[in-house]
Amino acid sequence: EVQLVESGGGLVQAGGSLRLSCATSGFTFDDYAIAWFRQVPGEEREGVSCISSSDGSTFYADSVKGRFTISSDNAKNTVSLQMNSLKPEDTAVYYCAADAVSCTGSYSLWQYEYDYWGQGTQVTVSS
C-alpha cells in the first residue's frame, strides 16, 4: 500500500522558515517523482515543487523559486521542502504527492499527473 505522510507544518511569522517532510512507503522510491502542492480553501491545488528521485532533477513554481528548496533522501525514502523567507500568501495546506513523472516542465506540477497523495499539513504565515 502506497503511503505518504507529511510533517513539519506550523505557524511562523513572515520572513521565517519551515521545513516540511514527506515520508513515503509502498513503492520503489527511485522510480517515482515526489511533488509538493498547496491548497487554500476555495481555490485550486497549486503545484509548488517536484523532484525526480532517480536523478535529482527538480522543478519549481515561479512563486517559490529562490525561496523554497526541495531535496530527497533516497536512503530514507523521504522528501523535504525547505521554505525560507515565508510570506503570508504561502499560507495553505501543503500536500506531497507521488507518481512516475519527470520533473522537467510545468506539467510536473499539475495535480492530475499524480495518483498518490498524503493527508496534508497546515502552514500558516502571520504578517
Foldseek 3Di string as FASTA:
>chain_A
DKAWAKDWADEEAAQAKIKMKIQIDDDQLQQKKKWKWWDDPPDDIWTAKIARSNPGDMDGDPVQPPFWDWDDDNVRSMIMIIGGRDDQVVWGWMKMFMDRDDRDDPVVGDPVRTDGIHPTDTHGYHD
